[in-house]
């Protein structure tokens, strides 16, 4: 997978999270946006908000299943550390 196809896939996953599950904000972060993407080694890092805390892992699991062909790292807002949130908001790209 190229960086460009990873970003296109991230947009597709973001659309799914928003349209199907009601996420209010999805950000792409990590190597895909920092120019360090390595084909066949890098994953797609996504952070999402707007889903109730008690449903976040279930929604993340459904998303992993729906996009099983992708190497995803999905971080729900309610379960993200403050340090990770800081990184996401400083370097992430809104999808």
PDB file of N, CA and C in Angstrom:
ATOM      1  N   UNK A   1       0.845  -1.177   0.000  1.00  0.00           N
ATOM      2  CA  UNK A   1       0.000   0.000   0.000  1.00  0.00           C
ATOM      3  C   UNK A   1       0.888   1.237   0.000  1.00  0.00           C
ATOM      4  N   UNK A   2       0.560   2.159  -0.865  1.00  0.00           N
ATOM      5  CA  UNK A   2       1.286   3.420  -0.916  1.00  0.00           C
ATOM      6  C   UNK A   2       0.708   4.402   0.097  1.00  0.00           C
ATOM      7  N   UNK A   3       1.422   5.473   0.343  1.00  0.00           N
ATOM      8  CA  UNK A   3       0.932   6.519   1.249  1.00  0.00           C
ATOM      9  C   UNK A   3      -0.388   7.081   0.728  1.00  0.00           C
ATOM     10  N   UNK A   4      -0.476   7.297  -0.567  1.00  0.00           N
ATOM     11  CA  UNK A   4      -1.684   7.853  -1.168  1.00  0.00           C
ATOM     12  C   UNK A   4      -2.882   6.915  -0.991  1.00  0.00           C
ATOM     13  N   UNK A   5      -2.667   5.622  -1.192  1.00  0.00           N
ATOM     14  CA  UNK A   5      -3.773   4.674  -1.009  1.00  0.00           C
ATOM     15  C   UNK A   5      -4.133   4.535   0.471  1.00  0.00           C
ATOM     16  N   UNK A   6      -3.158   4.689   1.360  1.00  0.00           N
ATOM     17  CA  UNK A   6      -3.442   4.661   2.799  1.00  0.00           C
ATOM     18  C   UNK A   6      -4.331   5.843   3.184  1.00  0.00           C
ATOM     19  N   UNK A   7      -4.037   7.013   2.646  1.00  0.00           N
ATOM     20  CA  UNK A   7      -4.850   8.195   2.942  1.00  0.00           C
ATOM     21  C   UNK A   7      -6.254   8.036   2.374  1.00  0.00           C
ATOM     22  N   UNK A   8      -6.367   7.497   1.168  1.00  0.00           N
ATOM     23  CA  UNK A   8      -7.688   7.250   0.577  1.00  0.00           C
ATOM     24  C   UNK A   8      -8.473   6.247   1.419  1.00  0.00           C
ATOM     25  N   UNK A   9      -7.816   5.207   1.885  1.00  0.00           N
ATOM     26  CA  UNK A   9      -8.472   4.219   2.748  1.00  0.00           C
ATOM     27  C   UNK A   9      -8.880   4.847   4.072  1.00  0.00           C
ATOM     28  N   UNK A  10      -8.038   5.708   4.618  1.00  0.00           N
ATOM     29  CA  UNK A  10      -8.360   6.399   5.875  1.00  0.00           C
ATOM     30  C   UNK A  10      -9.622   7.239   5.703  1.00  0.00           C
ATOM     31  N   UNK A  11      -9.752   7.895   4.567  1.00  0.00           N
ATOM     32  CA  UNK A  11     -10.953   8.698   4.299  1.00  0.00           C
ATOM     33  C   UNK A  11     -12.201   7.814   4.242  1.00  0.00           C
ATOM     34  N   UNK A  12     -12.061   6.639   3.656  1.00  0.00           N
ATOM     35  CA  UNK A  12     -13.180   5.700   3.572  1.00  0.00           C
ATOM     36  C   UNK A  12     -13.588   5.217   4.968  1.00  0.00           C
ATOM     37  N   UNK A  13     -12.617   4.896   5.798  1.00  0.00           N
ATOM     38  CA  UNK A  13     -12.899   4.458   7.168  1.00  0.00           C
ATOM     39  C   UNK A  13     -13.540   5.600   7.960  1.00  0.00           C
ATOM     40  N   UNK A  14     -13.024   6.806   7.794  1.00  0.00           N
ATOM     41  CA  UNK A  14     -13.582   7.971   8.492  1.00  0.00           C
ATOM     42  C   UNK A  14     -15.041   8.185   8.094  1.00  0.00           C
ATOM     43  N   UNK A  15     -15.327   8.063   6.825  1.00  0.00           N
ATOM     44  CA  UNK A  15     -16.700   8.218   6.350  1.00  0.00           C
ATOM     45  C   UNK A  15     -17.611   7.170   6.991  1.00  0.00           C
ATOM     46  N   UNK A  16     -17.147   5.938   7.065  1.00  0.00           N
ATOM     47  CA  UNK A  16     -17.899   4.855   7.711  1.00  0.00           C
ATOM     48  C   UNK A  16     -18.154   5.184   9.184  1.00  0.00           C
ATOM     49  N   UNK A  17     -17.122   5.603   9.904  1.00  0.00           N
ATOM     50  CA  UNK A  17     -17.286   5.920  11.322  1.00  0.00           C
ATOM     51  C   UNK A  17     -18.301   7.041  11.529  1.00  0.00           C
ATOM     52  N   UNK A  18     -18.272   8.029  10.659  1.00  0.00           N
ATOM     53  CA  UNK A  18     -19.189   9.163  10.797  1.00  0.00           C
ATOM     54  C   UNK A  18     -20.603   8.820  10.344  1.00  0.00           C
ATOM     55  N   UNK A  19     -20.727   8.234   9.177  1.00  0.00           N
ATOM     56  CA  UNK A  19     -22.051   7.991   8.612  1.00  0.00           C
ATOM     57  C   UNK A  19     -22.793   6.833   9.269  1.00  0.00           C
ATOM     58  N   UNK A  20     -22.088   5.786   9.608  1.00  0.00           N
ATOM     59  CA  UNK A  20     -22.743   4.591  10.165  1.00  0.00           C
ATOM     60  C   UNK A  20     -22.823   4.643  11.689  1.00  0.00           C
ATOM     61  N   UNK A  21     -21.795   5.176  12.322  1.00  0.00           N
ATOM     62  CA  UNK A  21     -21.732   5.109  13.787  1.00  0.00           C
ATOM     63  C   UNK A  21     -21.840   6.459  14.492  1.00  0.00           C
ATOM     64  N   UNK A  22     -21.876   7.541  13.754  1.00  0.00           N
ATOM     65  CA  UNK A  22     -22.088   8.848  14.353  1.00  0.00           C
ATOM     66  C   UNK A  22     -20.874   9.533  14.939  1.00  0.00           C
ATOM     67  N   UNK A  23     -19.667   9.100  14.548  1.00  0.00           N
ATOM     68  CA  UNK A  23     -18.472   9.809  15.012  1.00  0.00           C
ATOM     69  C   UNK A  23     -18.555  11.258  14.534  1.00  0.00           C
ATOM     70  N   UNK A  24     -18.163  12.172  15.380  1.00  0.00           N
ATOM     71  CA  UNK A  24     -18.234  13.589  15.026  1.00  0.00           C
ATOM     72  C   UNK A  24     -16.925  14.124  14.463  1.00  0.00           C
ATOM     73  N   UNK A  25     -15.833  13.434  14.771  1.00  0.00           N
ATOM     74  CA  UNK A  25     -14.530  13.890  14.282  1.00  0.00           C
ATOM     75  C   UNK A  25     -13.607  12.685  14.164  1.00  0.00           C
ATOM     76  N   UNK A  26     -12.911  12.599  13.030  1.00  0.00           N
ATOM     77  CA  UNK A  26     -11.935  11.538  12.803  1.00  0.00           C
ATOM     78  C   UNK A  26     -10.667  12.202  12.280  1.00  0.00           C
ATOM     79  N   UNK A  27      -9.551  11.863  12.898  1.00  0.00           N
ATOM     80  CA  UNK A  27      -8.261  12.418  12.482  1.00  0.00           C
ATOM     81  C   UNK A  27      -7.299  11.305  12.105  1.00  0.00           C
ATOM     82  N   UNK A  28      -6.566  11.548  11.042  1.00  0.00           N
ATOM     83  CA  UNK A  28      -5.484  10.670  10.615  1.00  0.00           C
ATOM     84  C   UNK A  28      -4.200  11.232  11.214  1.00  0.00           C
ATOM     85  N   UNK A  29      -3.389  10.370  11.805  1.00  0.00           N
ATOM     86  CA  UNK A  29      -2.130  10.818  12.398  1.00  0.00           C
ATOM     87  C   UNK A  29      -1.072   9.756  12.173  1.00  0.00           C
ATOM     88  N   UNK A  30       0.124  10.019  12.644  1.00  0.00           N
ATOM     89  CA  UNK A  30       1.195   9.037  12.524  1.00  0.00           C
ATOM     90  C   UNK A  30       1.945   9.149  11.211  1.00  0.00           C
ATOM     91  N   UNK A  31       2.541   8.052  10.788  1.00  0.00           N
ATOM     92  CA  UNK A  31       3.436   8.058   9.629  1.00  0.00           C
ATOM     93  C   UNK A  31       2.747   8.479   8.335  1.00  0.00           C
ATOM     94  N   UNK A  32       1.467   8.262   8.220  1.00  0.00           N
ATOM     95  CA  UNK A  32       0.751   8.636   6.998  1.00  0.00           C
ATOM     96  C   UNK A  32       0.755  10.137   6.757  1.00  0.00           C
ATOM     97  N   UNK A  33       0.769  10.918   7.825  1.00  0.00           N
ATOM     98  CA  UNK A  33       0.757  12.372   7.672  1.00  0.00           C
ATOM     99  C   UNK A  33       2.113  13.010   7.955  1.00  0.00           C
ATOM    100  N   UNK A  34       3.013  12.263   8.529  1.00  0.00           N
ATOM    101  CA  UNK A  34       4.323  12.823   8.878  1.00  0.00           C
ATOM    102  C   UNK A  34       5.374  12.540   7.816  1.00  0.00           C
ATOM    103  N   UNK A  35       4.965  11.940   6.715  1.00  0.00           N
ATOM    104  CA  UNK A  35       5.905  11.674   5.634  1.00  0.00           C
ATOM    105  C   UNK A  35       6.845  10.520   5.902  1.00  0.00           C
ATOM    106  N   UNK A  36       6.508   9.685   6.863  1.00  0.00           N
ATOM    107  CA  UNK A  36       7.368   8.557   7.224  1.00  0.00           C
ATOM    108  C   UNK A  36       6.727   7.219   6.861  1.00  0.00           C
ATOM    109  N   UNK A  37       5.718   7.244   6.011  1.00  0.00           N
ATOM    110  CA  UNK A  37       4.979   6.030   5.659  1.00  0.00           C
ATOM    111  C   UNK A  37       5.882   5.067   4.897  1.00  0.00           C
ATOM    112  N   UNK A  38       5.906   3.823   5.351  1.00  0.00           N
ATOM    113  CA  UNK A  38       6.698   2.780   4.698  1.00  0.00           C
ATOM    114  C   UNK A  38       5.741   1.719   4.148  1.00  0.00           C
ATOM    115  N   UNK A  39       5.628   1.611   2.820  1.00  0.00           N
ATOM    116  CA  UNK A  39       4.746   0.592   2.240  1.00  0.00           C
ATOM    117  C   UNK A  39       5.061  -0.791   2.818  1.00  0.00           C
ATOM    118  N   UNK A  40       4.027  -1.536   3.092  1.00  0.00           N
ATOM    119  CA  UNK A  40       4.098  -2.903   3.637  1.00  0.00           C
ATOM    120  C   UNK A  40       4.577  -2.964   5.093  1.00  0.00           C
ATOM    121  N   UNK A  41       4.799  -1.802   5.732  1.00  0.00           N
ATOM    122  CA  UNK A  41       5.225  -1.786   7.129  1.00  0.00           C
ATOM    123  C   UNK A  41       4.378  -0.860   8.001  1.00  0.00           C
ATOM    124  N   UNK A  42       3.929   0.233   7.438  1.00  0.00           N
ATOM    125  CA  UNK A  42       3.180   1.220   8.222  1.00  0.00           C
ATOM    126  C   UNK A  42       1.700   0.865   8.279  1.00  0.00           C
ATOM    127  N   UNK A  43       1.076   1.247   9.377  1.00  0.00           N
ATOM    128  CA  UNK A  43      -0.367   1.074   9.500  1.00  0.00           C
ATOM    129  C   UNK A  43      -1.046   2.428   9.313  1.00  0.00           C
ATOM    130  N   UNK A  44      -2.374   2.410   9.381  1.00  0.00           N
ATOM    131  CA  UNK A  44      -3.172   3.624   9.250  1.00  0.00           C
ATOM    132  C   UNK A  44      -3.676   3.974  10.646  1.00  0.00           C
ATOM    133  N   UNK A  45      -3.194   5.095  11.187  1.00  0.00           N
ATOM    134  CA  UNK A  45      -3.539   5.518  12.543  1.00  0.00           C
ATOM    135  C   UNK A  45      -4.712   6.489  12.505  1.00  0.00           C
ATOM    136  N   UNK A  46      -5.814   6.116  13.144  1.00  0.00           N
ATOM    137  CA  UNK A  46      -7.011   6.952  13.180  1.00  0.00           C
ATOM    138  C   UNK A  46      -7.475   7.163  14.620  1.00  0.00           C
ATOM    139  N   UNK A  47      -7.907   8.367  14.885  1.00  0.00           N
ATOM    140  CA  UNK A  47      -8.453   8.756  16.186  1.00  0.00           C
ATOM    141  C   UNK A  47      -9.870   9.240  15.931  1.00  0.00           C
ATOM    142  N   UNK A  48     -10.845   8.793  16.753  1.00  0.00           N
ATOM    143  CA  UNK A  48     -12.217   9.257  16.542  1.00  0.00           C
ATOM    144  C   UNK A  48     -12.870   9.729  17.828  1.00  0.00           C
ATOM    145  N   UNK A  49     -13.812  10.672  17.675  1.00  0.00           N
ATOM    146  CA  UNK A  49     -14.576  11.253  18.783  1.00  0.00           C
ATOM    147  C   UNK A  49     -16.069  11.186  18.463  1.00  0.00           C
ATOM    148  N   UNK A  50     -16.873  11.391  19.514  1.00  0.00           N
ATOM    149  CA  UNK A  50     -18.305  11.559  19.327  1.00  0.00           C
ATOM    150  C   UNK A  50     -19.155  10.330  19.556  1.00  0.00           C
ATOM    151  N   UNK A  51     -18.535   9.251  19.958  1.00  0.00           N
ATOM    152  CA  UNK A  51     -19.264   8.016  20.249  1.00  0.00           C
ATOM    153  C   UNK A  51     -19.209   7.800  21.757  1.00  0.00           C
ATOM    154  N   UNK A  52     -20.329   7.423  22.366  1.00  0.00           N
ATOM    155  CA  UNK A  52     -20.327   7.232  23.821  1.00  0.00           C
ATOM    156  C   UNK A  52     -19.208   6.282  24.279  1.00  0.00           C
ATOM    157  N   UNK A  53     -18.604   6.631  25.395  1.00  0.00           N
ATOM    158  CA  UNK A  53     -17.472   5.896  25.948  1.00  0.00           C
ATOM    159  C   UNK A  53     -17.721   4.390  25.991  1.00  0.00           C
ATOM    160  N   UNK A  54     -18.890   3.997  26.456  1.00  0.00           N
ATOM    161  CA  UNK A  54     -19.164   2.568  26.622  1.00  0.00           C
ATOM    162  C   UNK A  54     -19.363   1.826  25.296  1.00  0.00           C
ATOM    163  N   UNK A  55     -19.445   2.540  24.190  1.00  0.00           N
ATOM    164  CA  UNK A  55     -19.590   1.911  22.875  1.00  0.00           C
ATOM    165  C   UNK A  55     -18.321   1.998  22.025  1.00  0.00           C
ATOM    166  N   UNK A  56     -17.337   2.733  22.495  1.00  0.00           N
ATOM    167  CA  UNK A  56     -16.152   2.987  21.666  1.00  0.00           C
ATOM    168  C   UNK A  56     -15.445   1.714  21.207  1.00  0.00           C
ATOM    169  N   UNK A  57     -15.193   0.788  22.099  1.00  0.00           N
ATOM    170  CA  UNK A  57     -14.480  -0.426  21.696  1.00  0.00           C
ATOM    171  C   UNK A  57     -15.319  -1.296  20.773  1.00  0.00           C
ATOM    172  N   UNK A  58     -16.615  -1.341  20.996  1.00  0.00           N
ATOM    173  CA  UNK A  58     -17.487  -2.112  20.107  1.00  0.00           C
ATOM    174  C   UNK A  58     -17.463  -1.532  18.697  1.00  0.00           C
ATOM    175  N   UNK A  59     -17.517  -0.209  18.605  1.00  0.00           N
ATOM    176  CA  UNK A  59     -17.475   0.445  17.293  1.00  0.00           C
ATOM    177  C   UNK A  59     -16.109   0.240  16.645  1.00  0.00           C
ATOM    178  N   UNK A  60     -15.045   0.353  17.420  1.00  0.00           N
ATOM    179  CA  UNK A  60     -13.706   0.102  16.882  1.00  0.00           C
ATOM    180  C   UNK A  60     -13.620  -1.333  16.355  1.00  0.00           C
ATOM    181  N   UNK A  61     -14.157  -2.288  17.103  1.00  0.00           N
ATOM    182  CA  UNK A  61     -14.152  -3.687  16.669  1.00  0.00           C
ATOM    183  C   UNK A  61     -14.933  -3.905  15.382  1.00  0.00           C
ATOM    184  N   UNK A  62     -16.095  -3.280  15.279  1.00  0.00           N
ATOM    185  CA  UNK A  62     -16.886  -3.385  14.047  1.00  0.00           C
ATOM    186  C   UNK A  62     -16.134  -2.785  12.869  1.00  0.00           C
ATOM    187  N   UNK A  63     -15.401  -1.719  13.143  1.00  0.00           N
ATOM    188  CA  UNK A  63     -14.634  -1.061  12.081  1.00  0.00           C
ATOM    189  C   UNK A  63     -13.475  -1.946  11.638  1.00  0.00           C
ATOM    190  N   UNK A  64     -12.794  -2.580  12.590  1.00  0.00           N
ATOM    191  CA  UNK A  64     -11.729  -3.529  12.233  1.00  0.00           C
ATOM    192  C   UNK A  64     -12.282  -4.637  11.348  1.00  0.00           C
ATOM    193  N   UNK A  65     -13.452  -5.159  11.696  1.00  0.00           N
ATOM    194  CA  UNK A  65     -14.055  -6.245  10.914  1.00  0.00           C
ATOM    195  C   UNK A  65     -14.469  -5.775   9.526  1.00  0.00           C
ATOM    196  N   UNK A  66     -15.055  -4.597   9.456  1.00  0.00           N
ATOM    197  CA  UNK A  66     -15.530  -4.054   8.176  1.00  0.00           C
ATOM    198  C   UNK A  66     -14.371  -3.797   7.215  1.00  0.00           C
ATOM    199  N   UNK A  67     -13.221  -3.417   7.766  1.00  0.00           N
ATOM    200  CA  UNK A  67     -12.042  -3.093   6.959  1.00  0.00           C
ATOM    201  C   UNK A  67     -10.890  -4.039   7.285  1.00  0.00           C
ATOM    202  N   UNK A  68     -11.193  -5.331   7.333  1.00  0.00           N
ATOM    203  CA  UNK A  68     -10.217  -6.344   7.744  1.00  0.00           C
ATOM    204  C   UNK A  68      -8.982  -6.385   6.840  1.00  0.00           C
ATOM    205  N   UNK A  69      -9.122  -5.919   5.609  1.00  0.00           N
ATOM    206  CA  UNK A  69      -7.995  -5.954   4.676  1.00  0.00           C
ATOM    207  C   UNK A  69      -6.959  -4.858   4.961  1.00  0.00           C
ATOM    208  N   UNK A  70      -7.326  -3.902   5.815  1.00  0.00           N
ATOM    209  CA  UNK A  70      -6.426  -2.792   6.126  1.00  0.00           C
ATOM    210  C   UNK A  70      -5.705  -3.027   7.455  1.00  0.00           C
ATOM    211  N   UNK A  71      -4.508  -2.512   7.543  1.00  0.00           N
ATOM    212  CA  UNK A  71      -3.754  -2.552   8.797  1.00  0.00           C
ATOM    213  C   UNK A  71      -4.064  -1.258   9.546  1.00  0.00           C
ATOM    214  N   UNK A  72      -5.086  -1.314  10.391  1.00  0.00           N
ATOM    215  CA  UNK A  72      -5.581  -0.131  11.094  1.00  0.00           C
ATOM    216  C   UNK A  72      -5.129  -0.104  12.543  1.00  0.00           C
ATOM    217  N   UNK A  73      -4.936   1.105  13.036  1.00  0.00           N
ATOM    218  CA  UNK A  73      -4.772   1.361  14.462  1.00  0.00           C
ATOM    219  C   UNK A  73      -5.827   2.415  14.783  1.00  0.00           C
ATOM    220  N   UNK A  74      -6.903   2.005  15.444  1.00  0.00           N
ATOM    221  CA  UNK A  74      -8.037   2.882  15.701  1.00  0.00           C
ATOM    222  C   UNK A  74      -8.058   3.246  17.183  1.00  0.00           C
ATOM    223  N   UNK A  75      -8.011   4.537  17.457  1.00  0.00           N
ATOM    224  CA  UNK A  75      -7.956   5.023  18.834  1.00  0.00           C
ATOM    225  C   UNK A  75      -9.233   5.793  19.162  1.00  0.00           C
ATOM    226  N   UNK A  76     -10.072   5.259  20.064  1.00  0.00           N
ATOM    227  CA  UNK A  76     -11.250   6.006  20.503  1.00  0.00           C
ATOM    228  C   UNK A  76     -10.855   7.106  21.495  1.00  0.00           C
ATOM    229  N   UNK A  77     -11.466   8.259  21.361  1.00  0.00           N
ATOM    230  CA  UNK A  77     -11.117   9.428  22.178  1.00  0.00           C
ATOM    231  C   UNK A  77     -11.164   9.141  23.675  1.00  0.00           C
ATOM    232  N   UNK A  78     -12.207   8.464  24.116  1.00  0.00           N
ATOM    233  CA  UNK A  78     -12.377   8.229  25.541  1.00  0.00           C
ATOM    234  C   UNK A  78     -11.338   7.315  26.155  1.00  0.00           C
ATOM    235  N   UNK A  79     -10.638   6.570  25.329  1.00  0.00           N
ATOM    236  CA  UNK A  79      -9.635   5.633  25.815  1.00  0.00           C
ATOM    237  C   UNK A  79      -8.207   6.066  25.465  1.00  0.00           C
ATOM    238  N   UNK A  80      -8.059   7.235  24.897  1.00  0.00           N
ATOM    239  CA  UNK A  80      -6.732   7.732  24.510  1.00  0.00           C
ATOM    240  C   UNK A  80      -6.076   8.465  25.679  1.00  0.00           C
ATOM    241  N   UNK A  81      -4.783   8.280  25.817  1.00  0.00           N
ATOM    242  CA  UNK A  81      -4.037   8.988  26.858  1.00  0.00           C
ATOM    243  C   UNK A  81      -3.922  10.468  26.492  1.00  0.00           C
ATOM    244  N   UNK A  82      -3.644  11.291  27.483  1.00  0.00           N
ATOM    245  CA  UNK A  82      -3.471  12.722  27.230  1.00  0.00           C
ATOM    246  C   UNK A  82      -2.308  12.969  26.274  1.00  0.00           C
ATOM    247  N   UNK A  83      -1.245  12.211  26.420  1.00  0.00           N
ATOM    248  CA  UNK A  83      -0.090  12.371  25.538  1.00  0.00           C
ATOM    249  C   UNK A  83      -0.418  12.049  24.092  1.00  0.00           C
ATOM    250  N   UNK A  84      -1.192  10.986  23.895  1.00  0.00           N
ATOM    251  CA  UNK A  84      -1.587  10.628  22.535  1.00  0.00           C
ATOM    252  C   UNK A  84      -2.525  11.677  21.950  1.00  0.00           C
ATOM    253  N   UNK A  85      -3.461  12.157  22.758  1.00  0.00           N
ATOM    254  CA  UNK A  85      -4.357  13.213  22.275  1.00  0.00           C
ATOM    255  C   UNK A  85      -3.567  14.441  21.849  1.00  0.00           C
ATOM    256  N   UNK A  86      -2.553  14.786  22.614  1.00  0.00           N
ATOM    257  CA  UNK A  86      -1.719  15.942  22.279  1.00  0.00           C
ATOM    258  C   UNK A  86      -1.052  15.727  20.918  1.00  0.00           C
ATOM    259  N   UNK A  87      -0.502  14.533  20.704  1.00  0.00           N
ATOM    260  CA  UNK A  87       0.130  14.220  19.419  1.00  0.00           C
ATOM    261  C   UNK A  87      -0.883  14.308  18.277  1.00  0.00           C
ATOM    262  N   UNK A  88      -2.061  13.727  18.481  1.00  0.00           N
ATOM    263  CA  UNK A  88      -3.096  13.726  17.450  1.00  0.00           C
ATOM    264  C   UNK A  88      -3.485  15.145  17.086  1.00  0.00           C
ATOM    265  N   UNK A  89      -3.713  15.991  18.073  1.00  0.00           N
ATOM    266  CA  UNK A  89      -4.160  17.346  17.795  1.00  0.00           C
ATOM    267  C   UNK A  89      -3.050  18.230  17.219  1.00  0.00           C
ATOM    268  N   UNK A  90      -1.795  17.915  17.518  1.00  0.00           N
ATOM    269  CA  UNK A  90      -0.685  18.698  16.974  1.00  0.00           C
ATOM    270  C   UNK A  90      -0.323  18.282  15.553  1.00  0.00           C
ATOM    271  N   UNK A  91      -0.437  16.997  15.267  1.00  0.00           N
ATOM    272  CA  UNK A  91       0.070  16.504  13.975  1.00  0.00           C
ATOM    273  C   UNK A  91      -1.008  15.918  13.071  1.00  0.00           C
ATOM    274  N   UNK A  92      -2.181  15.628  13.611  1.00  0.00           N
ATOM    275  CA  UNK A  92      -3.205  14.937  12.846  1.00  0.00           C
ATOM    276  C   UNK A  92      -3.889  15.811  11.809  1.00  0.00           C
ATOM    277  N   UNK A  93      -4.533  15.122  10.880  1.00  0.00           N
ATOM    278  CA  UNK A  93      -5.272  15.765   9.795  1.00  0.00           C
ATOM    279  C   UNK A  93      -6.735  15.346   9.916  1.00  0.00           C
ATOM    280  N   UNK A  94      -7.610  16.338   9.943  1.00  0.00           N
ATOM    281  CA  UNK A  94      -9.039  16.081  10.042  1.00  0.00           C
ATOM    282  C   UNK A  94      -9.537  15.444   8.750  1.00  0.00           C
ATOM    283  N   UNK A  95     -10.272  14.362   8.892  1.00  0.00           N
ATOM    284  CA  UNK A  95     -10.845  13.685   7.712  1.00  0.00           C
ATOM    285  C   UNK A  95     -12.341  13.938   7.624  1.00  0.00           C
TER     286      UNK A  95
END
